[in-house]
Structures are given as C-alpha cells and as structure tokens.
Amino acid sequence: MAHRGLSASAPENTLAAVRAAHEAGFTWVELDVQLLADGAPVIWHDATVKRCSNGHGRLAKLSLAEARRLDVGTWFDASFAGERMATLDEMLALIDTLGMGLNLELKLARGRDPAALAEATVPRAMAMLPATRLIVSSFSRSALKAARGLEPDPTRLRLGRLYDKIAKGWETEARSLEAFSVHGDWTRLTEARARAIKAAGYRLICYTANDPEAFAPLWQWGVDAAISDDPRRFCGRLPDAV
C-alpha cells in the first residue's frame, strides 16, 4: 500500500500522490481524512497545515474555502506548485475512476469528535467504493465504534484497528468492532503477536515499511500487507503468497 499515496514521489495525501501510485502500478493507497471547521472532510494528516502547505494554523480552524486557497504542493517540489488540498469526495472519485483500493484512516486531532468524523466520511466512502476496495482504519476506537454503528455488517464495511504497538487487548477490541484487520508499526511487532493475529482470522497490515530486507522476515510471520512511502522498493522482493 502506498503511504499517503506515493509520498516518495509526490506531496503526501494529494490527488497527485494517488495518480503517481497508480502510474507506478500500485493498486492500494493509504490516506488520512479529517474535518475542517465547517465539517467538510479533507485528505490531510497533520493537525496543522504548516508542514505541508504555504499556510499556518490548525486545520480544524479553516473553512473549505480557506483550505482550498493553500498551495499544498510547492513544499515538496516546485513542479507541484498549485496543488490544492483534496476533499474526500474528489479523492474518492479519483480512486474509483482508477479502480484502486483505499485504506482510509480516520485521523483525529485533539478535541475533535470521533462520531462526527465517522458520520461525515464513512457513508461517502461506502457509496463510492465496493467493500472489497475499502478499509476504514483508525487509532481511535471511538471512531471505529461509530463507524460500525453506521454499518453493522462486517462484510459491507471492513474496519482496521490501528496501534503504535499492538496492545495485549487487541483481540477483545477486534471482536467487539467485528474488525477485518489489525494494523501496527512493523518495528514493534513480535512474531508471536503476528502469528496470534493470523490464527484468530484477522488480516495483519504493517506500517511504515521502507526497508524490504529488514522487513523480509515479517512475511513469514503472516503479514498480509505493508504500507510504504515507496512500494517500488519491494518490487520483485515479495513472497509468492503475498
């Protein structure tokens, strides 16, 4: 999965990054979604706009009109000057047109409402993409619980529980959410935990893997997918079963 699109080659979480991933031959992308001050869902990772735009301040304080005036490409490279912050609807339309799969992370800045985020994003994503091409993931159990409340059928909405280090209570949480997958930092994953997740019937997705040699043993543990800034590094280096 291309992390925030092909973020090694284009500004992260933009339409350009998703097009780059598609052009490079990748079929899945991982992207972040948040709400602006007026409730509009946009594809963005940080709580502020400073790092990845020519603006400053908190994302949650901006209206859609204000956010769309930002240049979110030049910080990465002058060739992306004029790239605009993508709305969720724009991104979903592009992904659907390209026939790609989306791992959509519900990203919650401090003080934001997890239920409001789920309600503004999950129905939109489900309406645009088939269940087989959509995973809704989050570090927030509350956001995932709200998402499951919107669609109780786990075959129609696949949820992924995100962790920094996959916690001891992962299985209880996965069962209560009727989750599809468990996601964790690959550098903090143990073989025993990986094999337990697979034995329990869940998909196991790891982030952010940029060193295929160091990551290689994890495929033997049963890891199903790796999220990478540059998945091109893994080309020709995946086990046949992946």
Protein backbone atom coordinates (compact mmCIF):
# COMPACT_ATOMS: atom_id res chain seq x y z
CA MET A 1 0.00 0.00 0.00
CA ALA A 2 1.33 3.42 -0.97
CA HIS A 3 1.56 5.53 2.21
CA ARG A 4 -0.41 8.77 1.77
CA GLY A 5 -0.21 7.99 -1.93
CA LEU A 6 3.21 7.58 -3.48
CA SER A 7 4.65 10.05 -0.98
CA ALA A 8 8.23 9.41 -2.07
CA SER A 9 7.43 10.97 -5.45
CA ALA A 10 4.62 13.46 -4.83
CA PRO A 11 3.24 15.58 -1.97
CA GLU A 12 1.53 13.31 0.52
CA ASN A 13 -2.25 12.91 0.69
CA THR A 14 -2.83 14.70 -2.62
CA LEU A 15 -4.53 13.74 -5.85
CA ALA A 16 -1.08 13.92 -7.44
CA ALA A 17 0.28 11.33 -4.99
CA VAL A 18 -2.55 8.92 -5.79
CA ARG A 19 -2.08 9.39 -9.53
CA ALA A 20 1.64 8.72 -9.04
CA ALA A 21 0.88 5.50 -7.16
CA HIS A 22 -1.42 4.35 -9.94
CA GLU A 23 1.10 5.23 -12.64
CA ALA A 24 3.73 3.22 -10.78
CA GLY A 25 1.44 0.19 -10.86
CA PHE A 26 0.18 0.08 -7.29
CA THR A 27 -3.43 -0.81 -6.58
CA TRP A 28 -3.86 0.33 -2.96
CA VAL A 29 -3.22 3.62 -1.18
CA GLU A 30 -3.42 4.67 2.45
CA LEU A 31 -4.80 8.17 3.08
CA ASP A 32 -5.85 10.28 6.08
CA VAL A 33 -9.14 12.13 6.44
CA GLN A 34 -10.08 14.93 8.84
CA LEU A 35 -12.83 17.54 9.15
CA LEU A 36 -12.46 21.27 8.62
CA ALA A 37 -14.16 23.87 10.80
CA ASP A 38 -17.25 23.79 8.57
CA GLY A 39 -17.46 19.99 8.67
CA ALA A 40 -16.03 19.37 5.20
CA PRO A 41 -13.92 16.18 5.07
CA VAL A 42 -10.48 16.63 3.50
CA ILE A 43 -7.48 14.40 2.91
CA TRP A 44 -4.86 15.57 5.40
CA HIS A 45 -2.61 14.09 8.08
CA ASP A 46 -1.38 16.80 10.45
CA ALA A 47 -3.35 18.81 12.97
CA THR A 48 -1.84 21.95 11.41
CA VAL A 49 -1.16 23.00 7.82
CA LYS A 50 2.38 24.28 8.41
CA ARG A 51 4.43 21.25 7.31
CA CYS A 52 2.71 20.50 4.02
CA SER A 53 1.44 23.85 2.72
CA ASN A 54 2.31 27.52 2.37
CA GLY A 55 -0.01 28.36 5.26
CA HIS A 56 -0.04 28.04 9.02
CA GLY A 57 -2.51 27.35 11.81
CA ARG A 58 -4.76 24.50 12.80
CA LEU A 59 -6.62 22.60 10.13
CA ALA A 60 -9.73 22.47 12.33
CA LYS A 61 -9.95 26.28 12.27
CA LEU A 62 -10.14 26.54 8.48
CA SER A 63 -13.20 26.61 6.26
CA LEU A 64 -13.16 24.72 2.99
CA ALA A 65 -12.72 27.96 1.05
CA GLU A 66 -9.71 28.89 3.19
CA ALA A 67 -8.17 25.43 2.94
CA ARG A 68 -8.56 25.37 -0.83
CA ARG A 69 -6.55 28.58 -1.18
CA LEU A 70 -3.47 26.86 0.22
CA ASP A 71 -0.71 25.58 -2.04
CA VAL A 72 -0.04 22.06 -0.80
CA GLY A 73 2.48 21.06 -3.45
CA THR A 74 5.37 23.54 -3.57
CA TRP A 75 6.75 22.44 -0.17
CA PHE A 76 7.54 19.07 -1.80
CA ASP A 77 8.78 20.30 -5.17
CA ALA A 78 8.22 23.31 -7.41
CA SER A 79 6.77 21.03 -10.08
CA PHE A 80 3.73 20.54 -7.82
CA ALA A 81 3.05 24.26 -7.35
CA GLY A 82 -0.64 24.99 -7.21
CA GLU A 83 -1.68 21.55 -5.95
CA ARG A 84 -4.75 22.01 -3.74
CA MET A 85 -5.95 20.18 -0.66
CA ALA A 86 -8.20 17.35 -1.81
CA THR A 87 -11.70 16.94 -0.50
CA LEU A 88 -12.77 13.43 0.39
CA ASP A 89 -15.29 13.46 -2.45
CA GLU A 90 -12.63 14.41 -5.01
CA MET A 91 -10.31 11.71 -3.75
CA LEU A 92 -12.96 9.01 -3.73
CA ALA A 93 -13.95 9.91 -7.28
CA LEU A 94 -10.33 9.62 -8.43
CA ILE A 95 -9.75 6.31 -6.66
CA ASP A 96 -12.96 4.89 -8.10
CA THR A 97 -12.02 6.04 -11.61
CA LEU A 98 -8.58 4.44 -11.26
CA GLY A 99 -10.05 1.23 -9.85
CA MET A 100 -7.83 1.39 -6.77
CA GLY A 101 -8.30 0.23 -3.21
CA LEU A 102 -8.31 2.66 -0.28
CA ASN A 103 -7.21 2.27 3.32
CA LEU A 104 -8.87 5.39 4.74
CA GLU A 105 -7.56 6.39 8.15
CA LEU A 106 -9.95 8.39 10.34
CA LYS A 107 -7.45 10.88 11.78
CA LEU A 108 -8.49 12.66 14.96
CA ALA A 109 -6.73 15.75 16.22
CA ARG A 110 -7.06 16.54 19.91
CA GLY A 111 -10.54 17.65 20.89
CA ARG A 112 -12.23 16.51 17.68
CA ASP A 113 -15.43 14.45 17.66
CA PRO A 114 -14.86 10.85 16.52
CA ALA A 115 -18.53 10.23 15.76
CA ALA A 116 -18.79 13.37 13.63
CA LEU A 117 -15.75 12.28 11.64
CA ALA A 118 -17.17 8.81 11.04
CA GLU A 119 -20.58 10.15 10.07
CA ALA A 120 -19.10 12.62 7.58
CA THR A 121 -16.78 10.15 5.90
CA VAL A 122 -17.82 6.51 6.13
CA PRO A 123 -21.14 6.70 4.25
CA ARG A 124 -19.43 8.71 1.49
CA ALA A 125 -16.67 6.15 1.13
CA MET A 126 -19.08 3.21 1.14
CA ALA A 127 -21.22 4.87 -1.51
CA MET A 128 -18.25 5.32 -3.85
CA LEU A 129 -16.20 2.16 -3.35
CA PRO A 130 -17.12 -1.52 -3.06
CA ALA A 131 -16.38 -3.22 0.24
CA THR A 132 -13.53 -5.20 -1.33
CA ARG A 133 -11.70 -1.97 -2.17
CA LEU A 134 -12.16 -0.15 1.14
CA ILE A 135 -10.71 -0.47 4.63
CA VAL A 136 -11.59 2.16 7.22
CA SER A 137 -8.88 2.30 9.87
CA SER A 138 -8.12 4.41 12.93
CA PHE A 139 -6.12 4.67 16.12
CA SER A 140 -9.39 5.83 17.71
CA ARG A 141 -11.56 3.03 19.00
CA SER A 142 -14.40 5.53 19.39
CA ALA A 143 -14.21 6.48 15.72
CA LEU A 144 -14.27 2.83 14.67
CA LYS A 145 -17.14 2.10 17.05
CA ALA A 146 -19.09 4.97 15.47
CA ALA A 147 -18.27 3.62 12.02
CA ARG A 148 -19.50 0.17 12.96
CA GLY A 149 -22.70 1.74 14.26
CA LEU A 150 -23.28 3.21 10.81
CA GLU A 151 -22.87 -0.21 9.16
CA PRO A 152 -23.21 -3.25 11.43
CA ASP A 153 -22.46 -5.77 8.67
CA PRO A 154 -18.69 -6.51 8.67
CA THR A 155 -18.89 -7.82 5.11
CA ARG A 156 -20.12 -4.42 3.93
CA LEU A 157 -17.66 -2.31 5.95
CA ARG A 158 -14.18 -3.59 6.73
CA LEU A 159 -12.62 -1.94 9.77
CA GLY A 160 -8.95 -1.89 10.74
CA ARG A 161 -7.77 -1.17 14.28
CA LEU A 162 -4.53 0.84 14.27
CA TYR A 163 -1.92 0.65 17.01
CA ASP A 164 1.56 2.01 17.58
CA LYS A 165 2.45 -1.23 19.35
CA ILE A 166 -0.32 -3.80 19.09
CA ALA A 167 -1.70 -3.98 22.61
CA LYS A 168 -2.47 -7.08 24.68
CA GLY A 169 -6.20 -6.42 24.41
CA TRP A 170 -6.17 -6.36 20.61
CA GLU A 171 -8.33 -9.45 20.23
CA THR A 172 -11.08 -8.20 22.53
CA GLU A 173 -11.18 -4.91 20.62
CA ALA A 174 -11.14 -6.64 17.24
CA ARG A 175 -14.04 -8.86 18.23
CA SER A 176 -16.11 -6.01 19.64
CA LEU A 177 -15.60 -3.98 16.46
CA GLU A 178 -16.03 -7.03 14.20
CA ALA A 179 -12.80 -5.84 12.63
CA PHE A 180 -11.33 -7.05 9.37
CA SER A 181 -7.71 -6.19 10.11
CA VAL A 182 -5.20 -5.22 12.77
CA HIS A 183 -2.56 -2.61 11.87
CA GLY A 184 0.70 -1.89 13.68
CA ASP A 185 4.19 -0.41 13.49
CA TRP A 186 6.29 -3.16 11.95
CA THR A 187 9.32 -2.29 14.09
CA ARG A 188 7.33 -3.03 17.26
CA LEU A 189 5.68 -6.25 16.11
CA THR A 190 6.73 -9.60 17.55
CA GLU A 191 6.46 -12.91 15.74
CA ALA A 192 4.26 -14.31 18.50
CA ARG A 193 1.80 -11.43 18.23
CA ALA A 194 1.75 -11.63 14.44
CA ARG A 195 1.02 -15.34 14.44
CA ALA A 196 -1.71 -14.91 17.07
CA ILE A 197 -3.46 -12.29 14.97
CA LYS A 198 -3.36 -14.52 11.92
CA ALA A 199 -4.52 -17.57 13.90
CA ALA A 200 -7.53 -15.56 15.08
CA GLY A 201 -8.53 -14.91 11.48
CA TYR A 202 -7.63 -11.25 11.02
CA ARG A 203 -5.63 -9.57 8.29
CA LEU A 204 -2.37 -8.05 9.51
CA ILE A 205 -1.15 -4.79 7.98
CA CYS A 206 2.11 -3.08 8.96
CA TYR A 207 3.37 0.48 8.58
CA THR A 208 5.64 2.25 7.50
CA ALA A 209 7.97 -0.22 5.80
CA ASN A 210 10.70 1.25 3.60
CA ASP A 211 13.44 -1.36 4.01
CA PRO A 212 12.46 -4.58 2.21
CA GLU A 213 15.44 -6.53 3.53
CA ALA A 214 14.74 -5.72 7.16
CA PHE A 215 11.03 -6.34 6.63
CA ALA A 216 11.50 -9.70 4.86
CA PRO A 217 11.09 -11.95 7.96
CA LEU A 218 7.65 -10.48 8.67
CA TRP A 219 6.19 -12.02 5.53
CA GLN A 220 6.98 -15.39 7.06
CA TRP A 221 5.09 -14.38 10.18
CA GLY A 222 1.95 -13.98 8.10
CA VAL A 223 1.84 -10.22 7.48
CA ASP A 224 -0.64 -9.56 4.67
CA ALA A 225 0.35 -6.06 3.56
CA ALA A 226 2.95 -3.37 4.13
CA ILE A 227 2.29 0.35 3.92
CA SER A 228 5.31 2.07 2.38
CA ASP A 229 6.36 5.56 1.35
CA ASP A 230 7.89 3.93 -1.73
CA PRO A 231 6.46 0.48 -2.50
CA ARG A 232 8.69 0.35 -5.58
CA ARG A 233 11.45 -0.83 -3.24
CA PHE A 234 9.51 -4.04 -2.69
CA CYS A 235 9.07 -4.86 -6.37
CA GLY A 236 10.47 -8.31 -7.10
CA ARG A 237 11.08 -8.90 -3.40
CA LEU A 238 7.71 -10.20 -2.22
CA PRO A 239 6.95 -13.83 -1.37
CA ASP A 240 4.72 -15.58 -3.90
CA ALA A 241 1.92 -15.85 -1.33
CA VAL A 242 1.62 -12.06 -0.84
